Amino acid sequence: MEKVSRSKLGTLEGITYNVPIHASLYENEVQSTLTKMYVTINGKDGCPLEVFINIAKSGSHMSIMADAIGRLTSGWLQDGADPERILKHLLHMKCGTRVSWPKVGAAPDTAPDTVLSIPDGVAKALQRWIDAQTP
């Protein structure tokens, strides 16, 4: 994939994924709280180019960390990085409690994804986006 100029992105098509995650892992809460992380991936011609992550309150530690992951991932994609290489670095990063994420529209016997952390959830959303682009 070649480097893409931000001014030449034009109109992108995107998908937003609702990824379950445990908030207590990131906000030092006593009780484990299941919350949602929204990962939006925009792309063009089957190539992902932007990743936006929305989780928790704006300005919170968790929100800022998620925003940094999204900005870095978007920058790498726009600079021509292979999405598979990004997946390799983010997948399977562990942080405490795991959360099951069912695959919508999958066969009943299909095992759900297990989300291990914010980076792992972002990688799994990116993998689903890539899979959705191939007929």
Protein backbone atom coordinates (compact mmCIF):
# COMPACT_ATOMS: atom_id res chain seq x y z
CA MET A 1 0.00 0.00 0.00
CA GLU A 2 1.33 3.43 -0.87
CA LYS A 3 1.33 6.53 1.31
CA VAL A 4 -1.91 8.54 1.12
CA SER A 5 -1.99 12.32 1.45
CA ARG A 6 -4.63 13.44 3.96
CA SER A 7 -5.89 16.05 1.48
CA LYS A 8 -6.39 13.31 -1.15
CA LEU A 9 -8.45 10.95 1.01
CA GLY A 10 -11.73 12.16 -0.47
CA THR A 11 -14.90 10.32 0.53
CA LEU A 12 -14.33 7.30 2.73
CA GLU A 13 -16.69 4.51 3.70
CA GLY A 14 -16.72 3.32 7.28
CA ILE A 15 -18.08 0.83 9.76
CA THR A 16 -18.46 1.35 13.50
CA TYR A 17 -18.02 -1.67 15.76
CA ASN A 18 -19.43 -1.88 19.29
CA VAL A 19 -16.68 -3.73 21.21
CA PRO A 20 -17.35 -4.85 24.81
CA ILE A 21 -14.59 -4.13 27.34
CA HIS A 22 -14.13 -4.05 31.13
CA ALA A 23 -13.74 -0.43 32.29
CA SER A 24 -12.32 -1.35 35.71
CA LEU A 25 -9.09 -2.48 34.08
CA TYR A 26 -8.31 1.09 33.07
CA GLU A 27 -9.96 3.37 35.63
CA ASN A 28 -8.90 1.73 38.95
CA GLU A 29 -12.47 0.94 39.92
CA VAL A 30 -13.09 -1.60 42.67
CA GLN A 31 -15.87 -3.39 40.79
CA SER A 32 -15.53 -4.65 37.26
CA THR A 33 -17.81 -2.71 34.90
CA LEU A 34 -18.66 -3.90 31.42
CA THR A 35 -18.72 -0.96 29.03
CA LYS A 36 -18.64 -0.38 25.28
CA MET A 37 -15.84 0.81 23.07
CA TYR A 38 -16.86 2.14 19.66
CA VAL A 39 -14.25 1.58 16.95
CA THR A 40 -14.92 3.32 13.62
CA ILE A 41 -12.78 2.28 10.66
CA ASN A 42 -12.92 4.30 7.45
CA GLY A 43 -11.32 3.26 4.21
CA LYS A 44 -11.25 3.49 0.46
CA ASP A 45 -10.92 0.81 -2.22
CA GLY A 46 -10.67 -1.95 0.41
CA CYS A 47 -7.82 -0.28 2.33
CA PRO A 48 -8.38 0.96 5.89
CA LEU A 49 -7.14 4.54 6.35
CA GLU A 50 -8.62 5.93 9.57
CA VAL A 51 -9.37 4.47 12.99
CA PHE A 52 -11.41 6.37 15.59
CA ILE A 53 -11.98 4.98 19.09
CA ASN A 54 -14.58 6.29 21.52
CA ILE A 55 -14.64 4.94 25.06
CA ALA A 56 -15.41 6.42 28.48
CA LYS A 57 -15.65 10.09 29.38
CA SER A 58 -13.78 12.61 27.27
CA GLY A 59 -10.49 13.50 28.94
CA SER A 60 -10.29 10.34 31.05
CA HIS A 61 -7.12 8.24 31.07
CA MET A 62 -8.89 5.46 29.16
CA SER A 63 -10.28 7.87 26.56
CA ILE A 64 -6.90 9.52 25.95
CA MET A 65 -5.12 6.17 25.61
CA ALA A 66 -7.74 4.95 23.13
CA ASP A 67 -7.46 8.19 21.13
CA ALA A 68 -3.67 7.77 20.95
CA ILE A 69 -4.03 4.22 19.62
CA GLY A 70 -6.49 5.47 16.98
CA ARG A 71 -4.26 8.36 15.89
CA LEU A 72 -1.15 6.18 15.65
CA THR A 73 -2.98 3.45 13.76
CA SER A 74 -4.48 5.99 11.33
CA GLY A 75 -1.07 7.57 10.75
CA TRP A 76 0.56 4.21 10.02
CA LEU A 77 -2.23 3.23 7.62
CA GLN A 78 -2.04 6.56 5.78
CA ASP A 79 1.75 6.20 5.55
CA GLY A 80 1.28 2.90 3.73
CA ALA A 81 1.74 0.37 6.53
CA ASP A 82 0.41 -3.12 5.90
CA PRO A 83 -2.72 -3.59 8.07
CA GLU A 84 -1.59 -7.15 8.82
CA ARG A 85 1.56 -5.76 10.44
CA ILE A 86 -0.54 -3.50 12.66
CA LEU A 87 -2.71 -6.47 13.61
CA LYS A 88 0.38 -8.44 14.55
CA HIS A 89 1.39 -5.76 17.05
CA LEU A 90 -2.03 -5.11 18.63
CA LEU A 91 -3.60 -8.58 18.71
CA HIS A 92 -3.38 -10.64 21.91
CA MET A 93 -2.22 -7.79 24.17
CA LYS A 94 -3.65 -8.89 27.54
CA CYS A 95 -4.96 -6.87 30.46
CA GLY A 96 -6.91 -8.75 33.12
CA THR A 97 -10.53 -9.74 32.49
CA ARG A 98 -11.54 -11.11 29.10
CA VAL A 99 -14.82 -10.23 27.40
CA SER A 100 -16.70 -12.33 24.85
CA TRP A 101 -17.63 -10.52 21.59
CA PRO A 102 -20.10 -12.50 19.41
CA LYS A 103 -19.74 -12.41 15.64
CA VAL A 104 -22.93 -10.93 14.17
CA GLY A 105 -24.39 -13.02 11.36
CA ALA A 106 -22.02 -15.94 12.00
CA ALA A 107 -23.14 -19.56 12.16
CA PRO A 108 -24.52 -20.56 15.59
CA ASP A 109 -21.54 -22.84 16.26
CA THR A 110 -19.00 -20.07 15.54
CA ALA A 111 -16.95 -19.20 18.61
CA PRO A 112 -17.07 -15.52 19.62
CA ASP A 113 -13.95 -13.38 19.71
CA THR A 114 -12.42 -12.82 23.13
CA VAL A 115 -11.40 -9.21 23.78
CA LEU A 116 -8.32 -9.05 26.03
CA SER A 117 -7.68 -5.26 26.15
CA ILE A 118 -8.30 -1.99 24.29
CA PRO A 119 -5.50 -2.67 21.74
CA ASP A 120 -6.74 -6.24 21.23
CA GLY A 121 -10.33 -4.99 20.71
CA VAL A 122 -9.14 -2.42 18.15
CA ALA A 123 -7.19 -5.12 16.31
CA LYS A 124 -10.19 -7.45 16.27
CA ALA A 125 -12.40 -4.64 14.90
CA LEU A 126 -9.78 -3.93 12.21
CA GLN A 127 -9.68 -7.64 11.34
CA ARG A 128 -13.48 -7.70 11.01
CA TRP A 129 -13.31 -4.61 8.75
CA ILE A 130 -10.68 -6.28 6.55
CA ASP A 131 -12.75 -9.50 6.40
CA ALA A 132 -15.86 -7.48 5.41
CA GLN A 133 -13.99 -5.99 2.43
CA THR A 134 -13.29 -9.37 0.84
CA PRO A 135 -16.26 -10.91 -0.97
